[in-house]
């Protein structure tokens, strides 16, 4: 069956979670790197599907989601809703840690319980942000570009001026992908392991790239 892009459906949730885990370690499979890799989609997928379903799109091979782009039009508001509406639904399974994180699982638990980390002053001019992931066998075929174009079109319809991504600097494949689409580095002091990239939403109908 043909591979298509369509809006997210609630029945896609498990498949989206699987994609998130299988691409959650610098673009590769997170299983084996965490005691419980299930925490990853509870940070980087589930809240978007729950709080911003109209900005969630999947790459579907038949009925199965094999990739996705998800995000928010307003990062500051999303962080507030994450704490108010999403965190209470997962905190019992992933409680906050005490002290500094000591392993990858604790790092993720810390991220889960600090949604305010998403609000970075230097990114104010790029209010939207996104996450995009595809299973390896569907990468390098133009699907990622089409997913970004779909997300950008949705932002344009909402009159959102620009978006950003925060990517792990070590993920060189992701950096090459964003560079090809015209994302530019946003200088953020003390960004830790992340590089922030921004893209202005074109005012016309021409998609990026």
Protein backbone atom coordinates (compact mmCIF):
# COMPACT_ATOMS: atom_id res chain seq x y z
CA UNK A 1 0.00 0.00 0.00
CA UNK A 2 1.13 3.56 -0.60
CA UNK A 3 2.82 5.65 2.07
CA UNK A 4 0.78 8.75 2.87
CA UNK A 5 0.69 11.66 5.30
CA UNK A 6 -2.53 12.20 7.20
CA UNK A 7 -3.77 13.74 10.44
CA UNK A 8 -3.13 11.77 13.62
CA UNK A 9 -5.89 9.47 14.85
CA UNK A 10 -6.27 8.23 18.41
CA UNK A 11 -5.73 4.68 17.12
CA UNK A 12 -2.20 5.71 16.07
CA UNK A 13 -1.04 6.30 19.62
CA UNK A 14 0.71 2.97 20.23
CA UNK A 15 2.48 3.12 16.87
CA UNK A 16 3.64 6.71 17.52
CA UNK A 17 4.98 5.64 20.91
CA UNK A 18 6.86 2.78 19.26
CA UNK A 19 8.43 5.11 16.68
CA UNK A 20 9.45 7.49 19.46
CA UNK A 21 11.23 4.72 21.36
CA UNK A 22 12.87 3.20 18.27
CA UNK A 23 14.32 6.60 17.30
CA UNK A 24 14.82 8.04 20.78
CA UNK A 25 18.58 7.67 21.24
CA UNK A 26 20.31 10.18 18.95
CA UNK A 27 18.03 9.00 16.16
CA UNK A 28 18.53 5.31 16.94
CA UNK A 29 16.76 2.70 19.05
CA UNK A 30 16.49 3.72 22.71
CA UNK A 31 15.89 0.18 23.92
CA UNK A 32 18.98 -0.96 25.75
CA UNK A 33 19.90 2.60 26.73
CA UNK A 34 17.18 2.99 29.37
CA UNK A 35 15.76 0.70 32.01
CA UNK A 36 12.32 1.91 30.96
CA UNK A 37 12.38 3.52 27.51
CA UNK A 38 8.63 4.01 27.81
CA UNK A 39 9.32 7.30 29.55
CA UNK A 40 10.51 8.84 26.26
CA UNK A 41 7.12 9.06 24.51
CA UNK A 42 5.56 10.32 27.74
CA UNK A 43 7.81 13.36 27.34
CA UNK A 44 8.24 13.77 23.60
CA UNK A 45 5.07 12.33 22.04
CA UNK A 46 2.11 11.78 24.36
CA UNK A 47 1.67 15.37 25.55
CA UNK A 48 1.55 16.63 21.98
CA UNK A 49 -0.98 14.00 20.93
CA UNK A 50 -3.12 14.89 23.93
CA UNK A 51 -2.76 18.67 24.05
CA UNK A 52 -2.17 19.59 20.38
CA UNK A 53 -3.82 16.83 18.28
CA UNK A 54 -4.56 19.27 15.45
CA UNK A 55 -0.80 19.72 14.97
CA UNK A 56 -0.07 15.99 14.86
CA UNK A 57 0.48 14.27 11.52
CA UNK A 58 1.61 10.74 10.78
CA UNK A 59 3.38 9.03 7.93
CA UNK A 60 1.22 5.97 7.34
CA UNK A 61 2.11 2.79 5.50
CA UNK A 62 -1.37 1.44 4.98
CA UNK A 63 -3.05 1.92 8.34
CA UNK A 64 0.17 1.80 10.37
CA UNK A 65 1.94 4.95 11.50
CA UNK A 66 5.64 4.64 10.68
CA UNK A 67 6.63 8.25 11.33
CA UNK A 68 5.22 11.49 12.61
CA UNK A 69 5.61 15.21 13.09
CA UNK A 70 4.08 16.71 16.22
CA UNK A 71 4.43 20.02 17.99
CA UNK A 72 2.85 23.15 19.30
CA UNK A 73 2.16 26.61 17.96
CA UNK A 74 2.89 28.27 21.33
CA UNK A 75 5.71 26.78 23.38
CA UNK A 76 5.13 28.90 26.48
CA UNK A 77 1.45 27.98 26.69
CA UNK A 78 2.27 24.35 25.93
CA UNK A 79 4.71 24.22 28.86
CA UNK A 80 2.02 25.57 31.17
CA UNK A 81 -0.51 23.00 29.95
CA UNK A 82 2.09 20.23 30.17
CA UNK A 83 2.47 20.89 33.89
CA UNK A 84 -1.21 21.49 34.56
CA UNK A 85 -2.84 18.85 32.36
CA UNK A 86 -0.30 16.25 31.25
CA UNK A 87 2.12 15.76 34.13
CA UNK A 88 -0.55 14.62 36.60
CA UNK A 89 -1.44 11.74 34.25
CA UNK A 90 2.08 10.23 34.28
CA UNK A 91 3.71 11.38 37.51
CA UNK A 92 2.59 8.33 39.46
CA UNK A 93 4.53 6.06 37.07
CA UNK A 94 7.48 8.41 36.71
CA UNK A 95 7.90 10.34 39.98
CA UNK A 96 10.33 13.24 40.31
CA UNK A 97 13.88 12.38 41.27
CA UNK A 98 15.68 13.57 44.38
CA UNK A 99 18.97 15.33 43.75
CA UNK A 100 20.87 15.49 40.48
CA UNK A 101 20.17 12.89 37.78
CA UNK A 102 22.59 9.97 38.01
CA UNK A 103 21.68 7.90 34.94
CA UNK A 104 19.78 8.25 31.64
CA UNK A 105 16.45 7.28 33.17
CA UNK A 106 16.79 9.94 35.85
CA UNK A 107 17.74 12.51 33.22
CA UNK A 108 14.47 11.75 31.43
CA UNK A 109 12.48 11.89 34.68
CA UNK A 110 14.00 15.30 35.33
CA UNK A 111 12.97 16.49 31.86
CA UNK A 112 9.46 15.17 32.40
CA UNK A 113 9.06 17.14 35.60
CA UNK A 114 10.55 20.41 34.30
CA UNK A 115 8.44 21.42 31.28
CA UNK A 116 9.47 25.04 31.89
CA UNK A 117 12.86 24.09 30.36
CA UNK A 118 11.13 24.45 26.97
CA UNK A 119 10.69 28.20 27.47
CA UNK A 120 14.01 29.74 26.44
CA UNK A 121 14.19 33.55 26.09
CA UNK A 122 16.34 33.41 22.96
CA UNK A 123 13.59 31.42 21.22
CA UNK A 124 10.80 33.95 21.79
CA UNK A 125 10.74 34.94 18.11
CA UNK A 126 10.24 31.25 17.19
CA UNK A 127 7.16 30.42 19.30
CA UNK A 128 6.30 27.06 17.73
CA UNK A 129 8.36 23.89 18.03
CA UNK A 130 8.18 20.36 16.67
CA UNK A 131 9.41 16.81 16.98
CA UNK A 132 9.78 14.59 13.93
CA UNK A 133 10.71 10.91 13.84
CA UNK A 134 10.53 8.15 11.23
CA UNK A 135 11.40 4.48 11.43
CA UNK A 136 14.80 3.86 9.79
CA UNK A 137 13.39 2.02 6.79
CA UNK A 138 11.33 5.11 5.88
CA UNK A 139 14.13 7.64 6.18
CA UNK A 140 16.03 9.23 3.30
CA UNK A 141 13.06 8.92 0.96
CA UNK A 142 11.69 12.48 1.14
CA UNK A 143 9.06 11.64 3.75
CA UNK A 144 10.65 13.82 6.44
CA UNK A 145 10.64 16.84 4.17
CA UNK A 146 6.96 16.27 3.38
CA UNK A 147 6.11 15.97 7.07
CA UNK A 148 7.85 19.27 7.82
CA UNK A 149 6.03 20.92 4.93
CA UNK A 150 2.73 19.66 6.31
CA UNK A 151 3.50 21.02 9.77
CA UNK A 152 4.64 24.38 8.42
CA UNK A 153 1.43 24.70 6.38
CA UNK A 154 -0.58 24.11 9.55
CA UNK A 155 1.39 26.83 11.34
CA UNK A 156 0.86 29.20 8.44
CA UNK A 157 -2.89 28.69 8.71
CA UNK A 158 -2.60 29.82 12.34
CA UNK A 159 -0.45 32.85 11.43
CA UNK A 160 2.50 31.54 13.44
CA UNK A 161 5.64 33.40 12.30
CA UNK A 162 8.39 30.88 13.05
CA UNK A 163 9.30 27.62 14.73
CA UNK A 164 12.29 26.02 16.38
CA UNK A 165 13.69 22.60 17.13
CA UNK A 166 16.04 21.57 19.91
CA UNK A 167 18.14 18.69 18.66
CA UNK A 168 20.88 16.68 20.35
CA UNK A 169 24.08 18.12 18.92
CA UNK A 170 25.59 14.65 18.52
CA UNK A 171 22.82 13.65 16.11
CA UNK A 172 24.61 14.66 12.93
CA UNK A 173 22.07 13.05 10.64
CA UNK A 174 19.29 15.21 12.06
CA UNK A 175 21.44 18.31 11.69
CA UNK A 176 22.05 17.60 8.01
CA UNK A 177 18.32 17.12 7.50
CA UNK A 178 17.41 20.44 9.09
CA UNK A 179 20.20 22.25 7.25
CA UNK A 180 18.80 21.04 3.93
CA UNK A 181 15.40 22.48 4.85
CA UNK A 182 16.81 25.91 5.61
CA UNK A 183 16.83 25.87 9.42
CA UNK A 184 19.34 28.28 10.94
CA UNK A 185 21.23 28.07 14.22
CA UNK A 186 19.79 30.12 17.08
CA UNK A 187 22.50 31.06 19.56
CA UNK A 188 21.45 30.00 23.05
CA UNK A 189 24.03 30.30 25.86
CA UNK A 190 24.52 27.24 28.05
CA UNK A 191 22.39 25.03 25.80
CA UNK A 192 24.04 21.89 27.16
CA UNK A 193 23.79 18.92 24.79
CA UNK A 194 21.32 20.67 22.49
CA UNK A 195 21.59 22.80 19.39
CA UNK A 196 18.63 25.05 18.64
CA UNK A 197 17.59 25.67 15.05
CA UNK A 198 14.92 28.04 13.75
CA UNK A 199 12.82 28.38 10.63
CA UNK A 200 10.70 31.32 9.56
CA UNK A 201 7.27 30.28 8.31
CA UNK A 202 6.97 31.60 4.73
CA UNK A 203 4.01 33.95 4.29
CA UNK A 204 3.10 32.42 0.93
CA UNK A 205 2.18 28.86 0.03
CA UNK A 206 5.67 27.74 -0.92
CA UNK A 207 6.87 25.11 1.60
CA UNK A 208 10.42 25.05 2.94
CA UNK A 209 13.06 23.17 1.01
